[in-house]
Amino acid sequence: MRPASGLYAAWRDYSRDLNAPESLIVPTLVQHELYQWLCREIGQPVALSAIAATQTAIVVSLDTSIALLAADIAKAFKLATADAIIYATAHRHRATLVTGDAHFSALPQVGFLPKSGKG
């Protein structure tokens, strides 16, 4: 098993401090990225546990309105498709995007929490 870093460390840091999962919005794309990364870096049992934790939140699927908004956001902020979808999901639900990804840090409605990098 490799030490936790990157996406997993950020998820671990954020999820440890969540007191109200019913107010947390998790795009299905985040579930996809989290599961894919954890399976590759740590293993499927940890990945499945993390996904189970996300399911205590409000899970939001990609729909047409979010997809179109994401296309506009990608153009306006020069974001990759996946990042634009995640940002658009937060925007559509009037939520603050909480992330450790630095390329979001200057965008409106973003709560930037630097990744700890601790293993």
PDB file of N, CA and C in Angstrom:
ATOM      1  N   MET A   1       0.848  -1.182   0.000  1.00  0.00           N
ATOM      2  CA  MET A   1       0.000   0.000   0.000  1.00  0.00           C
ATOM      3  C   MET A   1       0.888   1.238   0.000  1.00  0.00           C
ATOM      4  N   ARG A   2       0.622   2.167  -0.890  1.00  0.00           N
ATOM      5  CA  ARG A   2       1.390   3.399  -0.976  1.00  0.00           C
ATOM      6  C   ARG A   2       0.858   4.427   0.016  1.00  0.00           C
ATOM      7  N   PRO A   3       1.702   5.376   0.425  1.00  0.00           N
ATOM      8  CA  PRO A   3       1.212   6.415   1.329  1.00  0.00           C
ATOM      9  C   PRO A   3       0.149   7.271   0.651  1.00  0.00           C
ATOM     10  N   ALA A   4      -0.751   7.788   1.451  1.00  0.00           N
ATOM     11  CA  ALA A   4      -1.809   8.646   0.921  1.00  0.00           C
ATOM     12  C   ALA A   4      -1.215   9.974   0.494  1.00  0.00           C
ATOM     13  N   SER A   5      -1.626  10.442  -0.663  1.00  0.00           N
ATOM     14  CA  SER A   5      -1.183  11.750  -1.132  1.00  0.00           C
ATOM     15  C   SER A   5      -2.194  12.280  -2.120  1.00  0.00           C
ATOM     16  N   GLY A   6      -1.968  13.484  -2.601  1.00  0.00           N
ATOM     17  CA  GLY A   6      -2.793  14.056  -3.658  1.00  0.00           C
ATOM     18  C   GLY A   6      -4.278  14.039  -3.360  1.00  0.00           C
ATOM     19  N   LEU A   7      -5.038  13.490  -4.292  1.00  0.00           N
ATOM     20  CA  LEU A   7      -6.491  13.470  -4.202  1.00  0.00           C
ATOM     21  C   LEU A   7      -6.973  12.798  -2.924  1.00  0.00           C
ATOM     22  N   TYR A   8      -6.368  11.659  -2.565  1.00  0.00           N
ATOM     23  CA  TYR A   8      -6.800  10.953  -1.367  1.00  0.00           C
ATOM     24  C   TYR A   8      -6.539  11.779  -0.116  1.00  0.00           C
ATOM     25  N   ALA A   9      -5.375  12.416  -0.031  1.00  0.00           N
ATOM     26  CA  ALA A   9      -5.060  13.235   1.135  1.00  0.00           C
ATOM     27  C   ALA A   9      -6.047  14.391   1.248  1.00  0.00           C
ATOM     28  N   ALA A  10      -6.361  15.012   0.111  1.00  0.00           N
ATOM     29  CA  ALA A  10      -7.325  16.107   0.124  1.00  0.00           C
ATOM     30  C   ALA A  10      -8.692  15.603   0.578  1.00  0.00           C
ATOM     31  N   TRP A  11      -9.130  14.470   0.026  1.00  0.00           N
ATOM     32  CA  TRP A  11     -10.427  13.915   0.425  1.00  0.00           C
ATOM     33  C   TRP A  11     -10.421  13.561   1.905  1.00  0.00           C
ATOM     34  N   ARG A  12      -9.332  12.944   2.360  1.00  0.00           N
ATOM     35  CA  ARG A  12      -9.229  12.559   3.767  1.00  0.00           C
ATOM     36  C   ARG A  12      -9.312  13.800   4.651  1.00  0.00           C
ATOM     37  N   ASP A  13      -8.581  14.851   4.286  1.00  0.00           N
ATOM     38  CA  ASP A  13      -8.586  16.075   5.069  1.00  0.00           C
ATOM     39  C   ASP A  13      -9.972  16.703   5.105  1.00  0.00           C
ATOM     40  N   TYR A  14     -10.644  16.789   3.961  1.00  0.00           N
ATOM     41  CA  TYR A  14     -11.955  17.410   3.908  1.00  0.00           C
ATOM     42  C   TYR A  14     -12.989  16.570   4.645  1.00  0.00           C
ATOM     43  N   SER A  15     -12.995  15.268   4.390  1.00  0.00           N
ATOM     44  CA  SER A  15     -14.037  14.412   4.951  1.00  0.00           C
ATOM     45  C   SER A  15     -13.922  14.292   6.467  1.00  0.00           C
ATOM     46  N   ARG A  16     -12.730  14.424   6.996  1.00  0.00           N
ATOM     47  CA  ARG A  16     -12.536  14.344   8.449  1.00  0.00           C
ATOM     48  C   ARG A  16     -13.261  15.490   9.136  1.00  0.00           C
ATOM     49  N   ASP A  17     -13.355  16.638   8.490  1.00  0.00           N
ATOM     50  CA  ASP A  17     -13.932  17.827   9.109  1.00  0.00           C
ATOM     51  C   ASP A  17     -15.398  18.054   8.747  1.00  0.00           C
ATOM     52  N   LEU A  18     -16.000  17.147   8.037  1.00  0.00           N
ATOM     53  CA  LEU A  18     -17.389  17.335   7.624  1.00  0.00           C
ATOM     54  C   LEU A  18     -18.328  16.943   8.755  1.00  0.00           C
ATOM     55  N   ASN A  19     -19.080  17.916   9.216  1.00  0.00           N
ATOM     56  CA  ASN A  19     -20.032  17.649  10.289  1.00  0.00           C
ATOM     57  C   ASN A  19     -21.458  17.539   9.769  1.00  0.00           C
ATOM     58  N   ALA A  20     -21.683  17.984   8.553  1.00  0.00           N
ATOM     59  CA  ALA A  20     -23.041  18.006   8.009  1.00  0.00           C
ATOM     60  C   ALA A  20     -23.037  17.491   6.578  1.00  0.00           C
ATOM     61  N   PRO A  21     -22.906  16.160   6.386  1.00  0.00           N
ATOM     62  CA  PRO A  21     -22.849  15.644   5.014  1.00  0.00           C
ATOM     63  C   PRO A  21     -24.099  15.944   4.206  1.00  0.00           C
ATOM     64  N   GLU A  22     -25.224  16.199   4.880  1.00  0.00           N
ATOM     65  CA  GLU A  22     -26.449  16.501   4.143  1.00  0.00           C
ATOM     66  C   GLU A  22     -26.371  17.853   3.448  1.00  0.00           C
ATOM     67  N   SER A  23     -25.388  18.678   3.789  1.00  0.00           N
ATOM     68  CA  SER A  23     -25.204  19.953   3.101  1.00  0.00           C
ATOM     69  C   SER A  23     -24.043  19.903   2.103  1.00  0.00           C
ATOM     70  N   LEU A  24     -23.432  18.745   1.954  1.00  0.00           N
ATOM     71  CA  LEU A  24     -22.316  18.561   1.034  1.00  0.00           C
ATOM     72  C   LEU A  24     -22.836  18.041  -0.303  1.00  0.00           C
ATOM     73  N   ILE A  25     -22.395  18.660  -1.389  1.00  0.00           N
ATOM     74  CA  ILE A  25     -22.770  18.235  -2.738  1.00  0.00           C
ATOM     75  C   ILE A  25     -21.562  17.539  -3.361  1.00  0.00           C
ATOM     76  N   VAL A  26     -21.777  16.343  -3.874  1.00  0.00           N
ATOM     77  CA  VAL A  26     -20.704  15.575  -4.513  1.00  0.00           C
ATOM     78  C   VAL A  26     -21.139  15.228  -5.933  1.00  0.00           C
ATOM     79  N   PRO A  27     -20.496  15.834  -6.937  1.00  0.00           N
ATOM     80  CA  PRO A  27     -20.804  15.452  -8.314  1.00  0.00           C
ATOM     81  C   PRO A  27     -20.391  14.001  -8.575  1.00  0.00           C
ATOM     82  N   THR A  28     -21.146  13.300  -9.408  1.00  0.00           N
ATOM     83  CA  THR A  28     -20.781  11.921  -9.734  1.00  0.00           C
ATOM     84  C   THR A  28     -19.410  11.866 -10.398  1.00  0.00           C
ATOM     85  N   LEU A  29     -19.008  12.934 -11.068  1.00  0.00           N
ATOM     86  CA  LEU A  29     -17.680  12.970 -11.668  1.00  0.00           C
ATOM     87  C   LEU A  29     -16.591  12.926 -10.595  1.00  0.00           C
ATOM     88  N   VAL A  30     -16.837  13.545  -9.449  1.00  0.00           N
ATOM     89  CA  VAL A  30     -15.883  13.472  -8.344  1.00  0.00           C
ATOM     90  C   VAL A  30     -15.821  12.039  -7.819  1.00  0.00           C
ATOM     91  N   GLN A  31     -16.967  11.384  -7.727  1.00  0.00           N
ATOM     92  CA  GLN A  31     -16.958   9.976  -7.310  1.00  0.00           C
ATOM     93  C   GLN A  31     -16.117   9.146  -8.282  1.00  0.00           C
ATOM     94  N   HIS A  32     -16.290   9.388  -9.570  1.00  0.00           N
ATOM     95  CA  HIS A  32     -15.527   8.676 -10.591  1.00  0.00           C
ATOM     96  C   HIS A  32     -14.026   8.890 -10.405  1.00  0.00           C
ATOM     97  N   GLU A  33     -13.619  10.162 -10.295  1.00  0.00           N
ATOM     98  CA  GLU A  33     -12.198  10.468 -10.153  1.00  0.00           C
ATOM     99  C   GLU A  33     -11.622   9.892  -8.856  1.00  0.00           C
ATOM    100  N   LEU A  34     -12.365  10.019  -7.786  1.00  0.00           N
ATOM    101  CA  LEU A  34     -11.915   9.510  -6.489  1.00  0.00           C
ATOM    102  C   LEU A  34     -11.760   7.993  -6.512  1.00  0.00           C
ATOM    103  N   TYR A  35     -12.763   7.301  -7.029  1.00  0.00           N
ATOM    104  CA  TYR A  35     -12.718   5.834  -7.104  1.00  0.00           C
ATOM    105  C   TYR A  35     -11.572   5.369  -8.002  1.00  0.00           C
ATOM    106  N   GLN A  36     -11.451   5.975  -9.159  1.00  0.00           N
ATOM    107  CA  GLN A  36     -10.397   5.590 -10.103  1.00  0.00           C
ATOM    108  C   GLN A  36      -9.019   5.770  -9.485  1.00  0.00           C
ATOM    109  N   TRP A  37      -8.791   6.923  -8.865  1.00  0.00           N
ATOM    110  CA  TRP A  37      -7.484   7.208  -8.284  1.00  0.00           C
ATOM    111  C   TRP A  37      -7.185   6.283  -7.103  1.00  0.00           C
ATOM    112  N   LEU A  38      -8.160   6.104  -6.216  1.00  0.00           N
ATOM    113  CA  LEU A  38      -7.925   5.255  -5.044  1.00  0.00           C
ATOM    114  C   LEU A  38      -7.707   3.796  -5.433  1.00  0.00           C
ATOM    115  N   CYS A  39      -8.448   3.299  -6.400  1.00  0.00           N
ATOM    116  CA  CYS A  39      -8.224   1.920  -6.866  1.00  0.00           C
ATOM    117  C   CYS A  39      -6.798   1.754  -7.382  1.00  0.00           C
ATOM    118  N   ARG A  40      -6.339   2.707  -8.148  1.00  0.00           N
ATOM    119  CA  ARG A  40      -5.004   2.626  -8.723  1.00  0.00           C
ATOM    120  C   ARG A  40      -3.913   2.781  -7.661  1.00  0.00           C
ATOM    121  N   GLU A  41      -4.066   3.728  -6.757  1.00  0.00           N
ATOM    122  CA  GLU A  41      -2.992   4.077  -5.830  1.00  0.00           C
ATOM    123  C   GLU A  41      -3.016   3.301  -4.516  1.00  0.00           C
ATOM    124  N   ILE A  42      -4.197   2.905  -4.052  1.00  0.00           N
ATOM    125  CA  ILE A  42      -4.283   2.290  -2.729  1.00  0.00           C
ATOM    126  C   ILE A  42      -4.968   0.936  -2.779  1.00  0.00           C
ATOM    127  N   GLY A  43      -6.106   0.854  -3.452  1.00  0.00           N
ATOM    128  CA  GLY A  43      -6.804  -0.414  -3.573  1.00  0.00           C
ATOM    129  C   GLY A  43      -8.306  -0.235  -3.534  1.00  0.00           C
ATOM    130  N   GLN A  44      -8.996  -1.228  -4.071  1.00  0.00           N
ATOM    131  CA  GLN A  44     -10.445  -1.144  -4.191  1.00  0.00           C
ATOM    132  C   GLN A  44     -11.177  -1.067  -2.852  1.00  0.00           C
ATOM    133  N   PRO A  45     -10.749  -1.795  -1.796  1.00  0.00           N
ATOM    134  CA  PRO A  45     -11.487  -1.673  -0.531  1.00  0.00           C
ATOM    135  C   PRO A  45     -11.523  -0.234   0.007  1.00  0.00           C
ATOM    136  N   VAL A  46     -10.403   0.477  -0.067  1.00  0.00           N
ATOM    137  CA  VAL A  46     -10.363   1.868   0.377  1.00  0.00           C
ATOM    138  C   VAL A  46     -11.216   2.730  -0.553  1.00  0.00           C
ATOM    139  N   ALA A  47     -11.137   2.460  -1.840  1.00  0.00           N
ATOM    140  CA  ALA A  47     -11.926   3.216  -2.816  1.00  0.00           C
ATOM    141  C   ALA A  47     -13.422   3.065  -2.548  1.00  0.00           C
ATOM    142  N   LEU A  48     -13.851   1.853  -2.310  1.00  0.00           N
ATOM    143  CA  LEU A  48     -15.273   1.616  -2.037  1.00  0.00           C
ATOM    144  C   LEU A  48     -15.709   2.281  -0.739  1.00  0.00           C
ATOM    145  N   SER A  49     -14.838   2.294   0.252  1.00  0.00           N
ATOM    146  CA  SER A  49     -15.140   2.958   1.518  1.00  0.00           C
ATOM    147  C   SER A  49     -15.294   4.465   1.308  1.00  0.00           C
ATOM    148  N   ALA A  50     -14.418   5.047   0.507  1.00  0.00           N
ATOM    149  CA  ALA A  50     -14.505   6.479   0.224  1.00  0.00           C
ATOM    150  C   ALA A  50     -15.792   6.809  -0.527  1.00  0.00           C
ATOM    151  N   ILE A  51     -16.159   5.977  -1.482  1.00  0.00           N
ATOM    152  CA  ILE A  51     -17.396   6.213  -2.236  1.00  0.00           C
ATOM    153  C   ILE A  51     -18.609   6.083  -1.316  1.00  0.00           C
ATOM    154  N   ALA A  52     -18.574   5.122  -0.418  1.00  0.00           N
ATOM    155  CA  ALA A  52     -19.670   4.989   0.558  1.00  0.00           C
ATOM    156  C   ALA A  52     -19.800   6.273   1.376  1.00  0.00           C
ATOM    157  N   ALA A  53     -18.677   6.861   1.755  1.00  0.00           N
ATOM    158  CA  ALA A  53     -18.712   8.114   2.515  1.00  0.00           C
ATOM    159  C   ALA A  53     -19.331   9.239   1.693  1.00  0.00           C
ATOM    160  N   THR A  54     -19.033   9.280   0.393  1.00  0.00           N
ATOM    161  CA  THR A  54     -19.607  10.343  -0.441  1.00  0.00           C
ATOM    162  C   THR A  54     -21.120  10.194  -0.564  1.00  0.00           C
ATOM    163  N   GLN A  55     -21.614   8.988  -0.420  1.00  0.00           N
ATOM    164  CA  GLN A  55     -23.044   8.755  -0.587  1.00  0.00           C
ATOM    165  C   GLN A  55     -23.874   9.225   0.599  1.00  0.00           C
ATOM    166  N   THR A  56     -23.210   9.682   1.668  1.00  0.00           N
ATOM    167  CA  THR A  56     -23.947  10.302   2.761  1.00  0.00           C
ATOM    168  C   THR A  56     -24.275  11.753   2.423  1.00  0.00           C
ATOM    169  N   ALA A  57     -23.661  12.262   1.357  1.00  0.00           N
ATOM    170  CA  ALA A  57     -23.888  13.627   0.892  1.00  0.00           C
ATOM    171  C   ALA A  57     -24.975  13.627  -0.181  1.00  0.00           C
ATOM    172  N   ILE A  58     -25.219  14.789  -0.743  1.00  0.00           N
ATOM    173  CA  ILE A  58     -26.137  14.915  -1.875  1.00  0.00           C
ATOM    174  C   ILE A  58     -25.315  14.649  -3.130  1.00  0.00           C
ATOM    175  N   VAL A  59     -25.589  13.543  -3.794  1.00  0.00           N
ATOM    176  CA  VAL A  59     -24.855  13.161  -5.003  1.00  0.00           C
ATOM    177  C   VAL A  59     -25.602  13.742  -6.209  1.00  0.00           C
ATOM    178  N   VAL A  60     -24.862  14.491  -7.038  1.00  0.00           N
ATOM    179  CA  VAL A  60     -25.476  15.181  -8.176  1.00  0.00           C
ATOM    180  C   VAL A  60     -24.931  14.613  -9.479  1.00  0.00           C
ATOM    181  N   SER A  61     -25.840  14.133 -10.315  1.00  0.00           N
ATOM    182  CA  SER A  61     -25.477  13.609 -11.632  1.00  0.00           C
ATOM    183  C   SER A  61     -25.378  14.743 -12.648  1.00  0.00           C
ATOM    184  N   LEU A  62     -24.598  14.505 -13.677  1.00  0.00           N
ATOM    185  CA  LEU A  62     -24.481  15.461 -14.773  1.00  0.00           C
ATOM    186  C   LEU A  62     -25.775  15.454 -15.576  1.00  0.00           C
ATOM    187  N   ASP A  63     -26.347  16.631 -15.767  1.00  0.00           N
ATOM    188  CA  ASP A  63     -27.530  16.757 -16.619  1.00  0.00           C
ATOM    189  C   ASP A  63     -27.245  17.814 -17.682  1.00  0.00           C
ATOM    190  N   THR A  64     -28.209  18.050 -18.540  1.00  0.00           N
ATOM    191  CA  THR A  64     -28.006  18.972 -19.657  1.00  0.00           C
ATOM    192  C   THR A  64     -27.692  20.383 -19.189  1.00  0.00           C
ATOM    193  N   SER A  65     -28.394  20.873 -18.183  1.00  0.00           N
ATOM    194  CA  SER A  65     -28.147  22.252 -17.749  1.00  0.00           C
ATOM    195  C   SER A  65     -26.744  22.418 -17.178  1.00  0.00           C
ATOM    196  N   ILE A  66     -26.267  21.440 -16.430  1.00  0.00           N
ATOM    197  CA  ILE A  66     -24.909  21.504 -15.894  1.00  0.00           C
ATOM    198  C   ILE A  66     -23.898  21.353 -17.030  1.00  0.00           C
ATOM    199  N   ALA A  67     -24.168  20.472 -17.979  1.00  0.00           N
ATOM    200  CA  ALA A  67     -23.257  20.265 -19.108  1.00  0.00           C
ATOM    201  C   ALA A  67     -23.075  21.546 -19.917  1.00  0.00           C
ATOM    202  N   LEU A  68     -24.172  22.246 -20.205  1.00  0.00           N
ATOM    203  CA  LEU A  68     -24.084  23.483 -20.982  1.00  0.00           C
ATOM    204  C   LEU A  68     -23.393  24.587 -20.190  1.00  0.00           C
ATOM    205  N   LEU A  69     -23.715  24.675 -18.903  1.00  0.00           N
ATOM    206  CA  LEU A  69     -23.045  25.653 -18.048  1.00  0.00           C
ATOM    207  C   LEU A  69     -21.544  25.353 -17.990  1.00  0.00           C
ATOM    208  N   ALA A  70     -21.190  24.092 -17.887  1.00  0.00           N
ATOM    209  CA  ALA A  70     -19.776  23.688 -17.841  1.00  0.00           C
ATOM    210  C   ALA A  70     -19.043  24.098 -19.112  1.00  0.00           C
ATOM    211  N   ALA A  71     -19.703  23.988 -20.249  1.00  0.00           N
ATOM    212  CA  ALA A  71     -19.071  24.398 -21.512  1.00  0.00           C
ATOM    213  C   ALA A  71     -18.768  25.893 -21.491  1.00  0.00           C
ATOM    214  N   ASP A  72     -19.719  26.683 -21.000  1.00  0.00           N
ATOM    215  CA  ASP A  72     -19.496  28.130 -20.893  1.00  0.00           C
ATOM    216  C   ASP A  72     -18.384  28.443 -19.888  1.00  0.00           C
ATOM    217  N   ILE A  73     -18.386  27.744 -18.776  1.00  0.00           N
ATOM    218  CA  ILE A  73     -17.373  27.955 -17.737  1.00  0.00           C
ATOM    219  C   ILE A  73     -15.989  27.548 -18.245  1.00  0.00           C
ATOM    220  N   ALA A  74     -15.912  26.441 -18.964  1.00  0.00           N
ATOM    221  CA  ALA A  74     -14.631  25.991 -19.509  1.00  0.00           C
ATOM    222  C   ALA A  74     -14.022  27.066 -20.404  1.00  0.00           C
ATOM    223  N   LYS A  75     -14.853  27.664 -21.220  1.00  0.00           N
ATOM    224  CA  LYS A  75     -14.382  28.718 -22.120  1.00  0.00           C
ATOM    225  C   LYS A  75     -13.972  29.965 -21.333  1.00  0.00           C
ATOM    226  N   ALA A  76     -14.812  30.377 -20.397  1.00  0.00           N
ATOM    227  CA  ALA A  76     -14.559  31.614 -19.655  1.00  0.00           C
ATOM    228  C   ALA A  76     -13.320  31.539 -18.768  1.00  0.00           C
ATOM    229  N   PHE A  77     -13.122  30.385 -18.134  1.00  0.00           N
ATOM    230  CA  PHE A  77     -12.027  30.255 -17.161  1.00  0.00           C
ATOM    231  C   PHE A  77     -10.894  29.361 -17.642  1.00  0.00           C
ATOM    232  N   LYS A  78     -10.994  28.909 -18.900  1.00  0.00           N
ATOM    233  CA  LYS A  78      -9.961  28.040 -19.482  1.00  0.00           C
ATOM    234  C   LYS A  78      -9.726  26.791 -18.628  1.00  0.00           C
ATOM    235  N   LEU A  79     -10.833  26.126 -18.267  1.00  0.00           N
ATOM    236  CA  LEU A  79     -10.768  24.904 -17.467  1.00  0.00           C
ATOM    237  C   LEU A  79     -10.923  23.679 -18.354  1.00  0.00           C
ATOM    238  N   ALA A  80     -10.311  22.591 -17.947  1.00  0.00           N
ATOM    239  CA  ALA A  80     -10.524  21.304 -18.611  1.00  0.00           C
ATOM    240  C   ALA A  80     -11.967  20.878 -18.378  1.00  0.00           C
ATOM    241  N   THR A  81     -12.457  19.999 -19.214  1.00  0.00           N
ATOM    242  CA  THR A  81     -13.859  19.582 -19.153  1.00  0.00           C
ATOM    243  C   THR A  81     -14.266  19.085 -17.774  1.00  0.00           C
ATOM    244  N   ALA A  82     -13.501  18.164 -17.209  1.00  0.00           N
ATOM    245  CA  ALA A  82     -13.871  17.604 -15.902  1.00  0.00           C
ATOM    246  C   ALA A  82     -13.924  18.691 -14.832  1.00  0.00           C
ATOM    247  N   ASP A  83     -12.941  19.571 -14.829  1.00  0.00           N
ATOM    248  CA  ASP A  83     -12.924  20.652 -13.845  1.00  0.00           C
ATOM    249  C   ASP A  83     -14.109  21.589 -14.045  1.00  0.00           C
ATOM    250  N   ALA A  84     -14.433  21.873 -15.288  1.00  0.00           N
ATOM    251  CA  ALA A  84     -15.569  22.747 -15.575  1.00  0.00           C
ATOM    252  C   ALA A  84     -16.884  22.122 -15.114  1.00  0.00           C
ATOM    253  N   ILE A  85     -17.024  20.824 -15.279  1.00  0.00           N
ATOM    254  CA  ILE A  85     -18.244  20.134 -14.829  1.00  0.00           C
ATOM    255  C   ILE A  85     -18.359  20.204 -13.311  1.00  0.00           C
ATOM    256  N   ILE A  86     -17.261  19.974 -12.620  1.00  0.00           N
ATOM    257  CA  ILE A  86     -17.276  20.027 -11.156  1.00  0.00           C
ATOM    258  C   ILE A  86     -17.617  21.444 -10.689  1.00  0.00           C
ATOM    259  N   TYR A  87     -16.982  22.435 -11.284  1.00  0.00           N
ATOM    260  CA  TYR A  87     -17.245  23.829 -10.918  1.00  0.00           C
ATOM    261  C   TYR A  87     -18.685  24.222 -11.254  1.00  0.00           C
ATOM    262  N   ALA A  88     -19.168  23.809 -12.412  1.00  0.00           N
ATOM    263  CA  ALA A  88     -20.540  24.125 -12.824  1.00  0.00           C
ATOM    264  C   ALA A  88     -21.564  23.484 -11.891  1.00  0.00           C
ATOM    265  N   THR A  89     -21.274  22.289 -11.429  1.00  0.00           N
ATOM    266  CA  THR A  89     -22.188  21.622 -10.489  1.00  0.00           C
ATOM    267  C   THR A  89     -22.311  22.437  -9.213  1.00  0.00           C
ATOM    268  N   ALA A  90     -21.189  22.889  -8.685  1.00  0.00           N
ATOM    269  CA  ALA A  90     -21.223  23.734  -7.484  1.00  0.00           C
ATOM    270  C   ALA A  90     -21.997  25.027  -7.766  1.00  0.00           C
ATOM    271  N   HIS A  91     -21.698  25.645  -8.893  1.00  0.00           N
ATOM    272  CA  HIS A  91     -22.367  26.896  -9.259  1.00  0.00           C
ATOM    273  C   HIS A  91     -23.884  26.707  -9.383  1.00  0.00           C
ATOM    274  N   ARG A  92     -24.298  25.648 -10.065  1.00  0.00           N
ATOM    275  CA  ARG A  92     -25.731  25.386 -10.280  1.00  0.00           C
ATOM    276  C   ARG A  92     -26.474  25.218  -8.952  1.00  0.00           C
ATOM    277  N   HIS A  93     -25.787  24.689  -7.956  1.00  0.00           N
ATOM    278  CA  HIS A  93     -26.411  24.441  -6.654  1.00  0.00           C
ATOM    279  C   HIS A  93     -26.091  25.535  -5.637  1.00  0.00           C
ATOM    280  N   ARG A  94     -25.551  26.649  -6.143  1.00  0.00           N
ATOM    281  CA  ARG A  94     -25.207  27.796  -5.301  1.00  0.00           C
ATOM    282  C   ARG A  94     -24.340  27.378  -4.115  1.00  0.00           C
ATOM    283  N   ALA A  95     -23.375  26.530  -4.414  1.00  0.00           N
ATOM    284  CA  ALA A  95     -22.484  26.003  -3.384  1.00  0.00           C
ATOM    285  C   ALA A  95     -21.076  26.530  -3.595  1.00  0.00           C
ATOM    286  N   THR A  96     -20.311  26.530  -2.543  1.00  0.00           N
ATOM    287  CA  THR A  96     -18.898  26.848  -2.635  1.00  0.00           C
ATOM    288  C   THR A  96     -18.151  25.578  -2.980  1.00  0.00           C
ATOM    289  N   LEU A  97     -17.304  25.639  -3.998  1.00  0.00           N
ATOM    290  CA  LEU A  97     -16.467  24.498  -4.354  1.00  0.00           C
ATOM    291  C   LEU A  97     -15.283  24.474  -3.391  1.00  0.00           C
ATOM    292  N   VAL A  98     -15.178  23.409  -2.607  1.00  0.00           N
ATOM    293  CA  VAL A  98     -14.059  23.245  -1.686  1.00  0.00           C
ATOM    294  C   VAL A  98     -13.083  22.289  -2.341  1.00  0.00           C
ATOM    295  N   THR A  99     -11.849  22.763  -2.540  1.00  0.00           N
ATOM    296  CA  THR A  99     -10.870  21.984  -3.286  1.00  0.00           C
ATOM    297  C   THR A  99      -9.453  22.296  -2.841  1.00  0.00           C
ATOM    298  N   GLY A 100      -8.588  21.366  -3.105  1.00  0.00           N
ATOM    299  CA  GLY A 100      -7.160  21.566  -2.895  1.00  0.00           C
ATOM    300  C   GLY A 100      -6.436  21.768  -4.211  1.00  0.00           C
ATOM    301  N   ASP A 101      -7.169  21.803  -5.311  1.00  0.00           N
ATOM    302  CA  ASP A 101      -6.565  21.986  -6.629  1.00  0.00           C
ATOM    303  C   ASP A 101      -6.320  23.471  -6.882  1.00  0.00           C
ATOM    304  N   ALA A 102      -5.048  23.822  -7.013  1.00  0.00           N
ATOM    305  CA  ALA A 102      -4.644  25.229  -7.105  1.00  0.00           C
ATOM    306  C   ALA A 102      -5.248  25.966  -8.292  1.00  0.00           C
ATOM    307  N   HIS A 103      -5.543  25.263  -9.388  1.00  0.00           N
ATOM    308  CA  HIS A 103      -6.065  25.973 -10.564  1.00  0.00           C
ATOM    309  C   HIS A 103      -7.479  26.515 -10.347  1.00  0.00           C
ATOM    310  N   PHE A 104      -8.130  26.132  -9.252  1.00  0.00           N
ATOM    311  CA  PHE A 104      -9.441  26.686  -8.902  1.00  0.00           C
ATOM    312  C   PHE A 104      -9.318  27.874  -7.941  1.00  0.00           C
ATOM    313  N   SER A 105      -8.163  28.069  -7.342  1.00  0.00           N
ATOM    314  CA  SER A 105      -8.027  28.965  -6.195  1.00  0.00           C
ATOM    315  C   SER A 105      -8.456  30.411  -6.447  1.00  0.00           C
ATOM    316  N   ALA A 106      -8.300  30.917  -7.645  1.00  0.00           N
ATOM    317  CA  ALA A 106      -8.647  32.315  -7.926  1.00  0.00           C
ATOM    318  C   ALA A 106     -10.079  32.490  -8.426  1.00  0.00           C
ATOM    319  N   LEU A 107     -10.816  31.410  -8.588  1.00  0.00           N
ATOM    320  CA  LEU A 107     -12.173  31.505  -9.122  1.00  0.00           C
ATOM    321  C   LEU A 107     -13.161  31.908  -8.030  1.00  0.00           C
ATOM    322  N   PRO A 108     -14.256  32.592  -8.423  1.00  0.00           N
ATOM    323  CA  PRO A 108     -15.273  32.955  -7.440  1.00  0.00           C
ATOM    324  C   PRO A 108     -15.948  31.706  -6.864  1.00  0.00           C
ATOM    325  N   GLN A 109     -16.424  31.825  -5.651  1.00  0.00           N
ATOM    326  CA  GLN A 109     -17.147  30.751  -4.953  1.00  0.00           C
ATOM    327  C   GLN A 109     -16.304  29.492  -4.788  1.00  0.00           C
ATOM    328  N   VAL A 110     -15.011  29.663  -4.514  1.00  0.00           N
ATOM    329  CA  VAL A 110     -14.117  28.535  -4.263  1.00  0.00           C
ATOM    330  C   VAL A 110     -13.504  28.705  -2.882  1.00  0.00           C
ATOM    331  N   GLY A 111     -13.586  27.644  -2.088  1.00  0.00           N
ATOM    332  CA  GLY A 111     -12.879  27.597  -0.823  1.00  0.00           C
ATOM    333  C   GLY A 111     -11.635  26.747  -1.041  1.00  0.00           C
ATOM    334  N   PHE A 112     -10.498  27.395  -1.117  1.00  0.00           N
ATOM    335  CA  PHE A 112      -9.259  26.690  -1.431  1.00  0.00           C
ATOM    336  C   PHE A 112      -8.585  26.236  -0.152  1.00  0.00           C
ATOM    337  N   LEU A 113      -8.363  24.944  -0.048  1.00  0.00           N
ATOM    338  CA  LEU A 113      -7.664  24.339   1.076  1.00  0.00           C
ATOM    339  C   LEU A 113      -6.461  23.607   0.526  1.00  0.00           C
ATOM    340  N   PRO A 114      -5.264  24.142   0.723  1.00  0.00           N
ATOM    341  CA  PRO A 114      -4.082  23.472   0.180  1.00  0.00           C
ATOM    342  C   PRO A 114      -3.992  22.035   0.672  1.00  0.00           C
ATOM    343  N   LYS A 115      -3.557  21.151  -0.219  1.00  0.00           N
ATOM    344  CA  LYS A 115      -3.407  19.747   0.121  1.00  0.00           C
ATOM    345  C   LYS A 115      -2.294  19.600   1.143  1.00  0.00           C
ATOM    346  N   SER A 116      -2.533  18.713   2.110  1.00  0.00           N
ATOM    347  CA  SER A 116      -1.552  18.536   3.184  1.00  0.00           C
ATOM    348  C   SER A 116      -0.335  17.757   2.721  1.00  0.00           C
ATOM    349  N   GLY A 117      -0.526  16.789   1.822  1.00  0.00           N
ATOM    350  CA  GLY A 117       0.574  15.962   1.363  1.00  0.00           C
ATOM    351  C   GLY A 117       1.047  14.971   2.402  1.00  0.00           C
ATOM    352  N   LYS A 118       0.368  14.936   3.544  1.00  0.00           N
ATOM    353  CA  LYS A 118       0.759  14.000   4.606  1.00  0.00           C
ATOM    354  C   LYS A 118       0.319  12.608   4.224  1.00  0.00           C
ATOM    355  N   GLY A 119       1.126  11.599   4.562  1.00  0.00           N
ATOM    356  CA  GLY A 119       0.809  10.235   4.212  1.00  0.00           C
ATOM    357  C   GLY A 119       0.084   9.532   5.178  1.00  0.00           C
TER     358      GLY A 119
END
